[in-house]
C-alpha cells in the first residue's frame, strides 16, 4: 500500500484491492465512523464476489445519480406544482383587488417558487432518464469508477492485463484529516499484527471463474481476518 496526501493507494489483483477496502472499512469502524456515510461506503466498496464492469459499475452509477429536489421530496409532480402556481397567481390578483398588497406579494412569490420547483423536478427527471445509460456506456470508459461522500472519496480502475490476472488500482481518501490520521495508524497496526487477512466472501458464489482476479472463496470459518 502507498500512502500520500491524496489517500491510501493499493495496486494488485482483485483480491488485493478487496482486502484494501476491507482494511480501511475496519479501520473506519474501529475509529468510530458509524454513520449513514459509512454505510454508503461499506455498500459501494468492491467485494470479492463482484465484477468491476458490472457490480461496481452499477453501484457507481447509482451513487452518482442526481438526487431528489425539493418538489420530489414533497411527493409533488411537476404538473402539480404548476397547477399550484396558477392558483397562487389567481390568489395574488384577488388580494390586489382587495387592497391587500402584502398578501398579494406573498402569493406571487409562492407562485414563482412552485414554478421553479416544477422546473427543477422536470429537469432532474430528464437527467435521470439518460444518465444511467450515458454513465455506464460512456463515462466509465473514460474515467475510473468512483465514490464520494462526506466521509470517503475513492476510485478504482483496471490498468493492464498481466499474465493470467488483471491489475487494478484502488485509491481511498478519508476526507476528515483527523480521522484520516487515526485510520492511517490503524492500517499500520494491521500490517504489524495481522499475519494473514482473509477477505470476506459471499456464502454462495455461483461462478467464481467469472469474477475478475478472485480465488475460490474459503470456508465460512476463514472469512474473517486472523492474527498471529
Protein backbone atom coordinates (compact mmCIF):
# COMPACT_ATOMS: atom_id res chain seq x y z
CA UNK A 1 0.00 0.00 0.00
CA UNK A 2 1.13 3.53 -0.84
CA UNK A 3 0.12 6.39 1.44
CA UNK A 4 0.15 10.02 0.32
CA UNK A 5 -1.72 13.27 0.81
CA UNK A 6 -4.28 12.04 -1.73
CA UNK A 7 -5.06 8.87 0.21
CA UNK A 8 -4.26 5.20 0.57
CA UNK A 9 -3.46 3.50 -2.74
CA UNK A 10 -3.26 -0.21 -3.48
CA UNK A 11 -2.15 -1.84 -6.72
CA UNK A 12 -2.63 -5.51 -7.43
CA UNK A 13 -5.15 -8.24 -8.12
CA UNK A 14 -8.87 -8.04 -7.46
CA UNK A 15 -8.28 -9.83 -4.17
CA UNK A 16 -5.67 -7.23 -3.21
CA UNK A 17 -7.99 -4.29 -3.69
CA UNK A 18 -10.89 -6.07 -1.97
CA UNK A 19 -8.61 -6.60 1.03
CA UNK A 20 -7.55 -2.93 0.86
CA UNK A 21 -11.18 -1.85 1.06
CA UNK A 22 -11.88 -4.21 3.95
CA UNK A 23 -8.88 -2.96 5.93
CA UNK A 24 -9.93 0.68 5.50
CA UNK A 25 -13.52 -0.20 6.41
CA UNK A 26 -12.40 -1.95 9.58
CA UNK A 27 -10.12 0.97 10.46
CA UNK A 28 -13.00 3.41 9.99
CA UNK A 29 -15.27 1.26 12.15
CA UNK A 30 -12.61 0.97 14.85
CA UNK A 31 -12.25 4.76 14.74
CA UNK A 32 -15.96 5.16 15.44
CA UNK A 33 -17.09 6.16 11.94
CA UNK A 34 -20.52 4.57 12.34
CA UNK A 35 -22.87 6.70 10.26
CA UNK A 36 -25.01 6.69 7.14
CA UNK A 37 -21.96 7.87 5.18
CA UNK A 38 -20.02 4.88 6.49
CA UNK A 39 -22.82 2.51 5.45
CA UNK A 40 -22.84 4.04 1.96
CA UNK A 41 -19.10 3.45 1.67
CA UNK A 42 -19.38 -0.10 3.02
CA UNK A 43 -22.03 -0.86 0.41
CA UNK A 44 -20.06 0.61 -2.50
CA UNK A 45 -16.58 -0.78 -1.85
CA UNK A 46 -15.60 -3.70 -4.12
CA UNK A 47 -16.46 -7.17 -2.79
CA UNK A 48 -14.76 -10.47 -3.54
CA UNK A 49 -17.75 -11.90 -5.44
CA UNK A 50 -18.30 -8.82 -7.61
CA UNK A 51 -17.18 -7.78 -11.08
CA UNK A 52 -15.76 -4.32 -11.72
CA UNK A 53 -17.51 -3.80 -15.05
CA UNK A 54 -20.90 -4.93 -13.76
CA UNK A 55 -21.41 -4.67 -9.99
CA UNK A 56 -19.11 -1.74 -9.19
CA UNK A 57 -20.24 -0.04 -12.39
CA UNK A 58 -23.90 -0.28 -11.34
CA UNK A 59 -23.20 0.90 -7.79
CA UNK A 60 -21.17 3.85 -9.08
CA UNK A 61 -23.94 4.89 -11.47
CA UNK A 62 -26.46 4.69 -8.65
CA UNK A 63 -24.23 6.65 -6.27
CA UNK A 64 -23.64 9.33 -8.90
CA UNK A 65 -27.33 9.71 -9.72
CA UNK A 66 -28.98 13.09 -9.49
CA UNK A 67 -30.70 13.33 -6.12
CA UNK A 68 -34.26 14.36 -5.44
CA UNK A 69 -35.21 18.02 -5.50
CA UNK A 70 -37.50 19.74 -3.03
CA UNK A 71 -40.59 19.03 -5.10
CA UNK A 72 -39.83 15.33 -5.37
CA UNK A 73 -39.09 15.11 -1.67
CA UNK A 74 -42.51 16.63 -1.07
CA UNK A 75 -44.07 14.00 -3.33
CA UNK A 76 -45.18 16.54 -5.96
CA UNK A 77 -45.09 16.01 -9.72
CA UNK A 78 -44.08 18.99 -11.92
CA UNK A 79 -47.66 19.42 -13.23
CA UNK A 80 -48.95 19.56 -9.64
CA UNK A 81 -46.56 22.38 -8.81
CA UNK A 82 -47.55 24.21 -12.00
CA UNK A 83 -51.22 23.90 -11.09
CA UNK A 84 -50.50 25.27 -7.63
CA UNK A 85 -48.50 28.11 -9.20
CA UNK A 86 -51.53 29.06 -11.30
CA UNK A 87 -53.76 29.03 -8.24
CA UNK A 88 -51.31 31.28 -6.39
CA UNK A 89 -51.28 33.76 -9.28
CA UNK A 90 -55.10 33.94 -9.20
CA UNK A 91 -54.98 34.38 -5.45
CA UNK A 92 -52.45 37.18 -5.88
CA UNK A 93 -54.78 39.08 -8.24
CA UNK A 94 -57.64 38.64 -5.80
CA UNK A 95 -55.58 40.11 -2.99
CA UNK A 96 -54.63 43.09 -5.14
CA UNK A 97 -58.34 43.69 -5.81
CA UNK A 98 -58.98 43.60 -2.08
CA UNK A 99 -56.23 46.13 -1.47
CA UNK A 100 -54.09 43.62 0.46
CA UNK A 101 -50.82 44.23 -1.35
CA UNK A 102 -48.72 42.40 1.21
CA UNK A 103 -50.73 39.18 0.85
CA UNK A 104 -50.74 39.63 -2.93
CA UNK A 105 -46.94 39.82 -2.97
CA UNK A 106 -46.70 36.72 -0.78
CA UNK A 107 -48.97 34.74 -3.12
CA UNK A 108 -46.99 35.94 -6.12
CA UNK A 109 -43.73 34.77 -4.51
CA UNK A 110 -45.31 31.38 -3.73
CA UNK A 111 -46.30 31.10 -7.38
CA UNK A 112 -42.73 31.74 -8.53
CA UNK A 113 -41.40 29.18 -6.05
CA UNK A 114 -43.78 26.49 -7.35
CA UNK A 115 -42.83 27.24 -10.96
CA UNK A 116 -39.14 26.96 -10.07
CA UNK A 117 -39.75 23.72 -8.18
CA UNK A 118 -41.67 22.26 -11.12
CA UNK A 119 -38.82 23.14 -13.50
CA UNK A 120 -36.28 21.62 -11.11
CA UNK A 121 -38.24 18.37 -10.79
CA UNK A 122 -38.73 18.10 -14.55
CA UNK A 123 -35.04 18.72 -15.17
CA UNK A 124 -33.97 16.09 -12.67
CA UNK A 125 -36.34 13.54 -14.18
CA UNK A 126 -34.94 14.24 -17.65
CA UNK A 127 -31.37 13.82 -16.43
CA UNK A 128 -32.17 10.54 -14.71
CA UNK A 129 -33.72 9.23 -17.90
CA UNK A 130 -30.38 9.36 -19.67
CA UNK A 131 -27.67 9.50 -17.01
CA UNK A 132 -27.59 5.76 -16.27
CA UNK A 133 -27.01 4.84 -19.89
CA UNK A 134 -24.60 7.69 -20.52
CA UNK A 135 -22.58 6.89 -17.40
CA UNK A 136 -22.39 3.14 -17.92
CA UNK A 137 -21.73 3.28 -21.66
CA UNK A 138 -19.51 6.35 -21.89
CA UNK A 139 -18.12 7.79 -18.67
CA UNK A 140 -16.72 4.56 -17.26
CA UNK A 141 -14.75 4.14 -20.46
CA UNK A 142 -13.06 7.49 -19.86
CA UNK A 143 -12.71 7.69 -16.06
CA UNK A 144 -12.30 5.40 -13.05
CA UNK A 145 -15.21 4.05 -11.07
CA UNK A 146 -15.57 6.45 -8.18
CA UNK A 147 -17.30 7.05 -4.87
CA UNK A 148 -17.63 10.29 -2.95
CA UNK A 149 -19.45 11.40 0.20
CA UNK A 150 -18.56 13.45 3.28
CA UNK A 151 -16.62 10.54 4.79
CA UNK A 152 -14.70 8.91 1.95
CA UNK A 153 -13.58 9.66 -1.61
CA UNK A 154 -12.39 6.67 -3.63
CA UNK A 155 -11.76 5.44 -7.13
CA UNK A 156 -10.86 2.09 -8.67
CA UNK A 157 -9.74 1.23 -12.17
CA UNK A 158 -8.32 -1.65 -14.14
CA UNK A 159 -4.94 -0.75 -15.61
CA UNK A 160 -3.23 -3.53 -17.55
CA UNK A 161 -3.77 -7.19 -18.13
CA UNK A 162 -0.86 -9.21 -16.83
CA UNK A 163 -0.12 -12.85 -17.39
CA UNK A 164 -3.34 -14.58 -16.37
CA UNK A 165 -4.54 -11.85 -13.97
CA UNK A 166 -5.87 -8.32 -14.26
CA UNK A 167 -4.19 -5.47 -12.41
CA UNK A 168 -6.19 -2.84 -10.53
CA UNK A 169 -5.53 0.44 -8.72
CA UNK A 170 -7.73 1.34 -5.75
CA UNK A 171 -7.23 4.71 -4.06
CA UNK A 172 -9.18 5.73 -0.96
CA UNK A 173 -9.06 9.05 0.84
CA UNK A 174 -10.65 9.82 4.23
CA UNK A 175 -11.96 13.36 3.93
CA UNK A 176 -11.58 14.35 7.60
CA UNK A 177 -7.87 14.91 8.32
CA UNK A 178 -8.07 13.90 12.00
CA UNK A 179 -9.97 10.72 11.17
CA UNK A 180 -7.53 10.03 8.36
CA UNK A 181 -4.65 10.06 10.85
CA UNK A 182 -6.44 7.52 13.04
CA UNK A 183 -7.15 5.30 10.04
CA UNK A 184 -3.50 5.54 8.98
CA UNK A 185 -2.34 4.39 12.42
CA UNK A 186 -4.82 1.52 12.42
CA UNK A 187 -3.70 0.36 8.98
CA UNK A 188 -0.12 0.35 10.23
CA UNK A 189 -1.17 -1.75 13.23
CA UNK A 190 -2.89 -4.26 10.94
CA UNK A 191 0.34 -4.61 8.95
CA UNK A 192 2.24 -5.43 12.14
CA UNK A 193 -0.36 -7.54 13.96
CA UNK A 194 -2.20 -9.50 11.28
CA UNK A 195 -0.29 -12.28 9.60
CA UNK A 196 -2.94 -13.20 7.04
CA UNK A 197 -6.03 -11.25 6.14
CA UNK A 198 -8.84 -13.49 4.94
CA UNK A 199 -11.18 -11.42 2.81
CA UNK A 200 -14.91 -11.75 3.32
CA UNK A 201 -16.66 -13.86 0.70
CA UNK A 202 -20.28 -14.44 -0.13
CA UNK A 203 -21.50 -17.73 1.30
CA UNK A 204 -22.75 -18.81 -2.13
CA UNK A 205 -20.88 -17.67 -5.22
CA UNK A 206 -22.10 -19.33 -8.39
CA UNK A 207 -19.30 -18.79 -10.89
CA UNK A 208 -16.03 -17.87 -9.25
CA UNK A 209 -14.25 -18.15 -12.59
CA UNK A 210 -16.31 -15.20 -13.84
CA UNK A 211 -15.09 -12.88 -11.11
CA UNK A 212 -12.13 -10.77 -12.11
CA UNK A 213 -8.97 -11.86 -10.32
CA UNK A 214 -10.63 -13.73 -7.43
CA UNK A 215 -9.54 -17.06 -5.98
CA UNK A 216 -12.24 -19.56 -4.93
CA UNK A 217 -13.83 -18.49 -1.63
CA UNK A 218 -12.60 -20.02 1.59
CA UNK A 219 -14.88 -21.67 4.08
CA UNK A 220 -17.08 -19.55 6.35
CA UNK A 221 -14.65 -20.06 9.24
CA UNK A 222 -11.93 -18.49 7.16
CA UNK A 223 -13.93 -15.43 6.19
CA UNK A 224 -12.59 -13.17 8.93
CA UNK A 225 -9.13 -11.70 9.49
CA UNK A 226 -6.75 -13.72 11.66
CA UNK A 227 -3.80 -12.73 13.77
CA UNK A 228 -0.52 -14.43 14.58
